[in-house]
Amino acid sequence: MTEPTVPSGRRTELDAIRTLVVIGLVFFHSALVFATDNDFYVKNRDTTDTILVIGGFGVVWAMPMLFFVAGLGSWYSLRRRGPRGFARERLLRLGVPLLFATAVLLPVPQWLRERASHPGHDESYLHFLPRFFDVHLDLSEFPFVVQGDYFETGHLWFVVLLLTFSLLLALATRWVPAVYARRIRDGVARACEQRGMVLLAAVPVAVMCALLGLEENYAAWHRWTYLMFFGYGFVLAGDDRLRAVMRRDAVLAAVLGPLLFAASAPGLMAEGDPFMDWTGPAMLARTLYGAAGWCWIVGIVGLLDRRRRPVPAPDEGHEDGADVGRRRRLFGYLAVGALPLYVLHQPIVVAAAYGVVGMDASIPVKYALIVAASLCLTLAAYDLLVRRAPLTRFLFGMRPGGPRPTPDSHD
């Protein structure tokens, strides 16, 4: 493993992971309605601590995985378009949905929060809007520079960060000669020839978690730690030697990830504010948590890459071929809709919860109702309101063409 190789083909398993994470957010955010130590928009009267304990197994890898896959897709996009074209494409595919959703969708959860938390509060949505958009600039919160008493980026913090990282990457690649980038990638690939070396990439992540802390508003990771995962995806995308390394060390990473996360859990659930405290136990817990996050990514991506097999063509004229064709169409349908599904899901979850929590039913029944309603409404909104018209496709960051993913659309 000494000669650089060109990345081979589309990583369909990464599309599957990304789609799974986005759909899984419906289940996760629905669960927050019933979590005890969480300030979700709509809360059930009865709550449980079990939700956050179970949810932690997804939090430790899910959002870092989205940034990792986006970084990988950015390598292909930059290679195809160049820095200027890449920046323009990101502004269209991320900036436009961000502005549109901020104006149309984000006020809804905050308005429902007001109605749910203040019995008898009957302020209309139109009267609430001016309060939501009463904002000011706060550069200290970069890149979340727009702040207000009621304004928030909500779940679109992911889009804000991804757009920021993408533009920073475009600037960096414009300033740094390509030959230096190739030398860095080649040096990383050579260093990772030794077994387990790729896991050392967990060290910078762990240090950042220990020193910068974890931000609850951004899925229990610091905003700038996500830049590490984005950067790792970008570096690993450029050389198939690194892909082979992740396959080779996947089992070791898959064992270490859960162990490190389990070791971090007692410290992160301790009294005080372990997410930000500078005490020894809190910093140790965050260190273990950060290392666990990278191990989970290596384990998941590497194991799924190991399991990839050539898929028969869907036109072979027998039942198996037909089944493969249907699965491919469903996969393509969801894969290209990852961003609009992400943008749509949380306001719908909050609206569904607002209608369900007042029912006289147990937590499992209410949870099942919220999840079912949210999934159905999110998929219906995507299919009927977004993907069918050129204007709405543009507003939600979808390409104007058909449903087939392109090689650089992992992001």
Protein backbone atom coordinates (compact mmCIF):
# COMPACT_ATOMS: atom_id res chain seq x y z
CA MET A 1 0.00 0.00 0.00
CA THR A 2 2.56 2.51 -1.14
CA GLU A 3 1.23 3.92 -4.41
CA PRO A 4 -1.64 6.44 -4.46
CA THR A 5 -4.78 5.26 -6.19
CA VAL A 6 -7.70 7.18 -7.63
CA PRO A 7 -10.89 6.84 -5.56
CA SER A 8 -13.04 4.17 -7.15
CA GLY A 9 -16.67 4.78 -7.90
CA ARG A 10 -19.56 6.04 -5.85
CA ARG A 11 -19.71 5.16 -2.16
CA THR A 12 -23.31 3.99 -2.05
CA GLU A 13 -22.93 2.76 1.52
CA LEU A 14 -22.28 6.35 2.60
CA ASP A 15 -25.52 7.46 0.95
CA ALA A 16 -27.26 4.74 2.95
CA ILE A 17 -25.68 5.93 6.20
CA ARG A 18 -26.63 9.55 5.52
CA THR A 19 -30.21 8.61 4.68
CA LEU A 20 -30.43 6.41 7.80
CA VAL A 21 -29.21 9.27 10.01
CA VAL A 22 -31.71 11.76 8.57
CA ILE A 23 -34.64 9.35 8.97
CA GLY A 24 -33.35 8.42 12.43
CA LEU A 25 -33.56 12.06 13.50
CA VAL A 26 -37.34 11.77 13.33
CA PHE A 27 -37.17 9.02 15.96
CA PHE A 28 -34.62 10.94 18.05
CA HIS A 29 -36.39 14.30 18.08
CA SER A 30 -39.71 12.59 18.76
CA ALA A 31 -38.09 10.99 21.82
CA LEU A 32 -36.99 14.38 23.17
CA VAL A 33 -40.65 15.16 23.81
CA PHE A 34 -40.42 12.66 26.67
CA ALA A 35 -36.86 13.34 27.92
CA THR A 36 -36.48 14.70 31.45
CA ASP A 37 -33.34 16.84 31.16
CA ASN A 38 -34.02 18.53 27.85
CA ASP A 39 -35.69 21.77 26.80
CA PHE A 40 -37.48 20.58 23.68
CA TYR A 41 -40.18 22.73 22.08
CA VAL A 42 -43.11 20.59 23.26
CA LYS A 43 -42.86 18.44 26.37
CA ASN A 44 -45.03 15.63 27.58
CA ARG A 45 -46.29 15.87 31.17
CA ASP A 46 -44.66 12.53 32.06
CA THR A 47 -40.98 12.17 31.19
CA THR A 48 -38.21 9.59 31.56
CA ASP A 49 -34.41 9.62 31.87
CA THR A 50 -34.13 6.52 29.69
CA ILE A 51 -34.51 8.54 26.48
CA LEU A 52 -31.22 10.42 26.71
CA VAL A 53 -29.28 7.32 27.81
CA ILE A 54 -30.45 5.39 24.74
CA GLY A 55 -30.12 8.44 22.49
CA GLY A 56 -26.49 8.89 23.48
CA PHE A 57 -25.52 5.86 21.39
CA GLY A 58 -26.70 7.76 18.31
CA VAL A 59 -25.52 11.22 19.33
CA VAL A 60 -21.89 10.08 19.64
CA TRP A 61 -21.62 9.27 15.91
CA ALA A 62 -24.67 10.42 13.91
CA MET A 63 -24.03 14.13 13.32
CA PRO A 64 -20.24 13.66 13.07
CA MET A 65 -21.01 11.08 10.39
CA LEU A 66 -23.04 13.60 8.38
CA PHE A 67 -20.12 16.03 8.42
CA PHE A 68 -17.68 13.25 7.53
CA VAL A 69 -19.76 12.21 4.51
CA ALA A 70 -20.15 15.86 3.50
CA GLY A 71 -16.38 16.31 3.62
CA LEU A 72 -15.93 13.27 1.44
CA GLY A 73 -18.44 14.58 -1.10
CA SER A 74 -16.70 17.96 -1.08
CA TRP A 75 -13.52 16.35 -2.43
CA TYR A 76 -15.39 15.10 -5.50
CA SER A 77 -17.19 18.40 -5.98
CA LEU A 78 -14.00 20.46 -5.73
CA ARG A 79 -12.24 18.13 -8.12
CA ARG A 80 -15.02 18.58 -10.65
CA ARG A 81 -15.82 22.28 -10.25
CA GLY A 82 -12.77 23.99 -8.81
CA PRO A 83 -12.86 26.32 -5.76
CA ARG A 84 -14.97 29.05 -7.39
CA GLY A 85 -17.55 26.65 -8.83
CA PHE A 86 -17.64 24.67 -5.59
CA ALA A 87 -18.36 27.81 -3.53
CA ARG A 88 -21.08 28.90 -5.97
CA GLU A 89 -22.71 25.47 -5.89
CA ARG A 90 -22.67 25.36 -2.08
CA LEU A 91 -24.22 28.81 -1.82
CA LEU A 92 -27.06 27.64 -4.06
CA ARG A 93 -27.56 24.17 -2.58
CA LEU A 94 -27.12 25.16 1.08
CA GLY A 95 -27.57 28.93 1.28
CA VAL A 96 -30.89 29.08 -0.55
CA PRO A 97 -32.57 26.35 1.58
CA LEU A 98 -31.15 28.01 4.71
CA LEU A 99 -32.70 31.39 3.88
CA PHE A 100 -35.99 29.91 2.71
CA ALA A 101 -36.44 27.59 5.69
CA THR A 102 -35.44 30.34 8.14
CA ALA A 103 -38.18 32.57 6.76
CA VAL A 104 -40.89 29.92 6.34
CA LEU A 105 -40.28 26.96 8.67
CA LEU A 106 -38.17 27.96 11.68
CA PRO A 107 -40.74 30.24 13.35
CA VAL A 108 -43.23 27.36 13.64
CA PRO A 109 -41.50 25.37 16.44
CA GLN A 110 -40.86 28.53 18.47
CA TRP A 111 -44.49 29.62 18.09
CA LEU A 112 -45.68 26.18 19.22
CA ARG A 113 -43.25 26.32 22.15
CA GLU A 114 -44.93 29.53 23.32
CA ARG A 115 -48.38 28.03 23.00
CA ALA A 116 -47.39 24.77 24.73
CA SER A 117 -45.51 26.36 27.65
CA HIS A 118 -48.07 29.07 28.44
CA PRO A 119 -51.58 27.68 28.90
CA GLY A 120 -54.15 30.02 27.45
CA HIS A 121 -51.60 31.67 25.16
CA ASP A 122 -53.46 32.23 21.91
CA GLU A 123 -51.19 34.61 19.97
CA SER A 124 -51.64 34.04 16.25
CA TYR A 125 -48.75 32.95 14.09
CA LEU A 126 -48.76 36.20 12.13
CA HIS A 127 -48.53 38.23 15.34
CA PHE A 128 -45.65 36.07 16.56
CA LEU A 129 -43.53 36.48 13.42
CA PRO A 130 -42.28 40.04 14.16
CA ARG A 131 -41.03 38.89 17.56
CA PHE A 132 -39.20 35.95 15.96
CA PHE A 133 -37.43 38.23 13.49
CA ASP A 134 -36.48 40.87 16.07
CA VAL A 135 -32.76 40.12 15.77
CA HIS A 136 -29.29 41.57 16.24
CA LEU A 137 -25.76 40.59 15.20
CA ASP A 138 -23.42 38.90 17.65
CA LEU A 139 -20.06 38.09 16.06
CA SER A 140 -18.89 36.27 19.19
CA GLU A 141 -21.24 33.41 18.29
CA PHE A 142 -19.78 32.95 14.79
CA PRO A 143 -21.01 31.48 12.53
CA PHE A 144 -24.36 31.88 14.30
CA VAL A 145 -24.11 35.65 14.16
CA VAL A 146 -27.86 36.35 13.98
CA GLN A 147 -29.32 36.28 17.50
CA GLY A 148 -32.61 37.26 19.12
CA ASP A 149 -34.88 36.56 22.07
CA TYR A 150 -37.07 34.26 19.96
CA PHE A 151 -34.98 33.81 16.82
CA GLU A 152 -32.98 30.61 16.44
CA THR A 153 -31.36 28.55 13.73
CA GLY A 154 -33.00 25.48 15.24
CA HIS A 155 -32.06 22.22 13.57
CA LEU A 156 -30.62 24.21 10.66
CA TRP A 157 -27.44 24.73 12.68
CA PHE A 158 -26.16 21.78 10.64
CA VAL A 159 -26.72 23.66 7.38
CA VAL A 160 -25.10 26.82 8.80
CA LEU A 161 -21.98 24.91 9.82
CA LEU A 162 -21.79 22.89 6.62
CA LEU A 163 -22.03 26.03 4.49
CA THR A 164 -19.36 27.73 6.64
CA PHE A 165 -17.00 24.76 6.41
CA SER A 166 -17.54 24.50 2.66
CA LEU A 167 -16.67 28.15 2.06
CA LEU A 168 -13.61 27.88 4.30
CA LEU A 169 -12.54 24.82 2.30
CA ALA A 170 -13.00 26.71 -0.97
CA LEU A 171 -10.75 29.50 0.33
CA ALA A 172 -8.13 27.07 1.63
CA THR A 173 -7.91 25.12 -1.62
CA ARG A 174 -7.64 28.35 -3.58
CA TRP A 175 -4.70 29.51 -1.45
CA VAL A 176 -2.88 26.20 -0.85
CA PRO A 177 -1.14 24.77 -3.96
CA ALA A 178 -2.54 21.38 -4.99
CA VAL A 179 0.90 19.80 -4.78
CA TYR A 180 1.05 20.49 -1.03
CA ALA A 181 -2.38 18.96 -0.51
CA ARG A 182 -1.27 15.82 -2.38
CA ARG A 183 1.88 15.60 -0.26
CA ILE A 184 -0.13 15.87 2.94
CA ARG A 185 -2.56 13.18 1.80
CA ASP A 186 0.30 10.93 0.68
CA GLY A 187 2.04 11.39 4.04
CA VAL A 188 -1.14 10.49 5.90
CA ALA A 189 -1.64 7.40 3.75
CA ARG A 190 1.92 6.23 4.34
CA ALA A 191 1.67 6.80 8.08
CA CYS A 192 -1.55 4.79 8.22
CA GLU A 193 0.09 1.73 6.67
CA GLN A 194 0.73 0.53 10.21
CA ARG A 195 -2.26 -1.17 11.77
CA GLY A 196 -4.33 1.05 14.03
CA MET A 197 -2.66 4.31 13.00
CA VAL A 198 -5.85 5.70 11.47
CA LEU A 199 -7.40 5.62 14.94
CA LEU A 200 -4.85 8.20 16.10
CA ALA A 201 -6.96 10.75 14.25
CA ALA A 202 -9.16 10.49 17.34
CA VAL A 203 -6.53 12.35 19.38
CA PRO A 204 -7.15 15.87 17.94
CA VAL A 205 -10.91 15.31 18.26
CA ALA A 206 -10.53 14.20 21.87
CA VAL A 207 -8.33 17.20 22.71
CA MET A 208 -10.84 19.61 21.18
CA CYS A 209 -13.67 18.04 23.16
CA ALA A 210 -11.67 18.31 26.39
CA LEU A 211 -10.62 21.95 25.86
CA LEU A 212 -13.60 23.44 24.00
CA GLY A 213 -16.32 21.42 25.69
CA LEU A 214 -19.54 20.04 24.25
CA GLU A 215 -22.42 22.26 23.17
CA GLU A 216 -25.84 20.80 23.92
CA ASN A 217 -27.50 22.99 21.27
CA TYR A 218 -25.39 21.34 18.56
CA ALA A 219 -26.08 17.68 19.30
CA ALA A 220 -23.57 17.36 22.14
CA TRP A 221 -20.49 18.33 20.11
CA HIS A 222 -18.66 21.63 19.91
CA ARG A 223 -19.37 23.45 16.65
CA TRP A 224 -15.70 23.56 15.64
CA THR A 225 -15.10 19.90 16.44
CA TYR A 226 -17.41 19.11 13.54
CA LEU A 227 -14.84 20.81 11.31
CA MET A 228 -12.42 18.00 12.19
CA PHE A 229 -14.84 15.34 10.96
CA PHE A 230 -15.54 17.36 7.81
CA GLY A 231 -11.81 17.71 7.18
CA TYR A 232 -11.17 14.01 7.82
CA GLY A 233 -13.79 13.10 5.23
CA PHE A 234 -12.17 15.43 2.71
CA VAL A 235 -8.69 13.98 3.28
CA LEU A 236 -9.79 10.34 3.25
CA ALA A 237 -11.82 10.78 0.05
CA GLY A 238 -8.78 11.53 -2.08
CA ASP A 239 -6.94 8.22 -1.84
CA ASP A 240 -8.21 4.63 -1.93
CA ARG A 241 -5.27 3.58 0.27
CA LEU A 242 -6.98 5.35 3.18
CA ARG A 243 -10.25 3.67 2.33
CA ALA A 244 -8.47 0.30 2.56
CA VAL A 245 -7.04 1.34 5.93
CA MET A 246 -10.52 1.98 7.31
CA ARG A 247 -11.68 -1.43 6.08
CA ARG A 248 -8.66 -3.07 7.69
CA ASP A 249 -9.05 -1.40 11.10
CA ALA A 250 -12.86 -1.42 11.18
CA VAL A 251 -13.23 -4.27 13.66
CA LEU A 252 -10.79 -2.73 16.14
CA ALA A 253 -12.57 0.61 15.85
CA ALA A 254 -15.99 -1.03 16.23
CA VAL A 255 -14.84 -2.55 19.52
CA LEU A 256 -13.14 0.58 20.87
CA GLY A 257 -15.98 2.96 19.99
CA PRO A 258 -18.65 1.51 22.30
CA LEU A 259 -16.09 0.85 25.04
CA LEU A 260 -14.85 4.43 25.03
CA PHE A 261 -18.39 5.78 24.94
CA ALA A 262 -19.43 3.55 27.87
CA ALA A 263 -16.39 4.79 29.80
CA SER A 264 -17.35 8.42 29.16
CA ALA A 265 -21.00 8.02 30.15
CA PRO A 266 -20.66 8.22 33.98
CA GLY A 267 -18.67 11.45 33.76
CA LEU A 268 -21.05 13.03 31.26
CA MET A 269 -24.05 12.20 33.45
CA ALA A 270 -22.45 13.54 36.65
CA GLU A 271 -23.81 16.53 38.54
CA GLY A 272 -22.87 20.04 37.50
CA ASP A 273 -22.12 20.83 33.87
CA PRO A 274 -19.78 18.08 32.63
CA PHE A 275 -20.22 19.33 29.05
CA MET A 276 -18.32 22.52 29.87
CA ASP A 277 -16.73 22.16 33.34
CA TRP A 278 -12.95 22.32 33.65
CA THR A 279 -12.77 19.68 36.36
CA GLY A 280 -10.57 16.64 35.79
CA PRO A 281 -13.40 14.08 35.63
CA ALA A 282 -15.41 16.23 33.20
CA MET A 283 -12.45 16.78 30.87
CA LEU A 284 -11.57 13.08 30.98
CA ALA A 285 -15.15 12.15 30.10
CA ARG A 286 -15.14 14.55 27.15
CA THR A 287 -11.78 13.17 26.00
CA LEU A 288 -13.13 9.63 25.96
CA TYR A 289 -16.32 10.81 24.23
CA GLY A 290 -14.38 12.56 21.46
CA ALA A 291 -12.18 9.52 20.84
CA ALA A 292 -15.28 7.32 20.77
CA GLY A 293 -16.87 9.44 18.07
CA TRP A 294 -14.03 8.89 15.59
CA CYS A 295 -13.83 5.18 16.40
CA TRP A 296 -17.54 4.80 15.70
CA ILE A 297 -17.12 6.42 12.30
CA VAL A 298 -14.16 4.24 11.32
CA GLY A 299 -16.00 1.13 12.52
CA ILE A 300 -19.29 1.88 10.78
CA VAL A 301 -17.81 3.08 7.49
CA GLY A 302 -15.15 0.37 7.36
CA LEU A 303 -17.50 -2.51 8.16
CA LEU A 304 -20.11 -1.37 5.65
CA ASP A 305 -17.42 -0.99 3.00
CA ARG A 306 -16.29 -4.54 3.73
CA ARG A 307 -19.81 -5.83 3.15
CA ARG A 308 -20.25 -4.19 -0.26
CA ARG A 309 -20.98 -6.70 -3.01
CA PRO A 310 -21.69 -6.26 -6.72
CA VAL A 311 -25.45 -5.89 -7.18
CA PRO A 312 -27.12 -7.73 -10.08
CA ALA A 313 -28.61 -5.58 -12.80
CA PRO A 314 -32.34 -5.02 -12.29
CA ASP A 315 -33.24 -6.02 -15.87
CA GLU A 316 -32.27 -9.69 -15.73
CA GLY A 317 -35.87 -10.75 -16.24
CA HIS A 318 -36.42 -12.59 -12.94
CA GLU A 319 -37.90 -11.75 -9.57
CA ASP A 320 -34.58 -11.01 -7.84
CA GLY A 321 -33.70 -8.49 -10.52
CA ALA A 322 -37.06 -6.78 -10.10
CA ASP A 323 -36.58 -6.60 -6.34
CA VAL A 324 -33.14 -5.05 -6.82
CA GLY A 325 -34.62 -2.51 -9.21
CA ARG A 326 -37.28 -1.48 -6.69
CA ARG A 327 -34.69 -1.15 -3.93
CA ARG A 328 -32.49 0.98 -6.14
CA ARG A 329 -35.37 3.28 -7.04
CA LEU A 330 -36.38 3.66 -3.39
CA PHE A 331 -32.77 4.29 -2.42
CA GLY A 332 -32.35 6.93 -5.12
CA TYR A 333 -35.63 8.54 -4.12
CA LEU A 334 -34.49 8.97 -0.50
CA ALA A 335 -30.79 9.59 -1.11
CA VAL A 336 -31.27 12.71 -3.22
CA GLY A 337 -33.86 13.97 -0.72
CA ALA A 338 -31.62 13.86 2.36
CA LEU A 339 -31.30 17.64 2.63
CA PRO A 340 -35.00 18.51 2.12
CA LEU A 341 -36.00 15.67 4.46
CA TYR A 342 -33.63 17.09 7.06
CA VAL A 343 -34.97 20.63 6.62
CA LEU A 344 -38.59 19.49 6.84
CA HIS A 345 -38.52 16.98 9.66
CA GLN A 346 -38.19 18.98 12.89
CA PRO A 347 -41.04 21.50 12.41
CA ILE A 348 -43.25 18.54 11.51
CA VAL A 349 -42.14 16.55 14.58
CA VAL A 350 -42.91 19.54 16.83
CA ALA A 351 -46.32 20.05 15.22
CA ALA A 352 -47.15 16.35 15.60
CA ALA A 353 -46.05 16.38 19.23
CA TYR A 354 -48.13 19.47 19.93
CA GLY A 355 -51.20 17.57 18.79
CA VAL A 356 -50.39 14.33 20.63
CA VAL A 357 -49.05 15.23 24.11
CA GLY A 358 -52.47 16.29 25.38
CA MET A 359 -53.90 12.82 24.75
CA ASP A 360 -54.63 10.46 27.62
CA ALA A 361 -52.20 7.71 26.67
CA SER A 362 -48.95 6.12 27.80
CA ILE A 363 -45.51 7.32 26.70
CA PRO A 364 -44.96 4.39 24.26
CA VAL A 365 -48.31 5.02 22.57
CA LYS A 366 -47.73 8.75 22.26
CA TYR A 367 -44.20 8.20 20.98
CA ALA A 368 -45.40 5.76 18.34
CA LEU A 369 -48.09 8.22 17.21
CA ILE A 370 -45.62 11.12 16.95
CA VAL A 371 -43.11 9.04 14.98
CA ALA A 372 -45.71 7.61 12.62
CA ALA A 373 -47.34 10.98 11.96
CA SER A 374 -43.99 12.73 11.54
CA LEU A 375 -42.61 10.16 9.10
CA CYS A 376 -45.76 10.16 6.99
CA LEU A 377 -46.04 13.95 6.90
CA THR A 378 -42.33 14.49 6.23
CA LEU A 379 -42.27 12.02 3.34
CA ALA A 380 -45.54 13.41 1.98
CA ALA A 381 -44.26 16.98 2.12
CA TYR A 382 -41.05 15.96 0.38
CA ASP A 383 -42.85 14.03 -2.34
CA LEU A 384 -45.82 16.32 -2.99
CA LEU A 385 -44.51 19.78 -2.13
CA VAL A 386 -40.77 19.66 -2.85
CA ARG A 387 -39.48 17.20 -5.42
CA ARG A 388 -42.12 17.62 -8.14
CA ALA A 389 -41.69 21.31 -9.03
CA PRO A 390 -38.48 23.03 -10.25
CA LEU A 391 -39.04 26.04 -7.96
CA THR A 392 -39.42 24.01 -4.76
CA ARG A 393 -36.51 21.75 -5.75
CA PHE A 394 -34.37 24.88 -6.02
CA LEU A 395 -35.63 26.28 -2.70
CA PHE A 396 -34.76 23.03 -0.91
CA GLY A 397 -31.32 22.59 -2.49
CA MET A 398 -32.15 19.79 -4.92
CA ARG A 399 -30.64 19.56 -8.35
CA PRO A 400 -33.07 20.26 -11.21
CA GLY A 401 -32.52 16.86 -12.87
CA GLY A 402 -33.84 13.40 -12.11
CA PRO A 403 -33.56 11.35 -8.91
CA ARG A 404 -30.32 9.52 -9.64
CA PRO A 405 -27.48 10.59 -7.30
CA THR A 406 -24.34 11.94 -8.94
CA PRO A 407 -20.81 10.92 -7.87
CA ASP A 408 -20.27 14.11 -5.85
CA SER A 409 -23.67 14.32 -4.14
CA HIS A 410 -22.70 12.57 -0.87
CA ASP A 411 -23.00 16.02 0.69
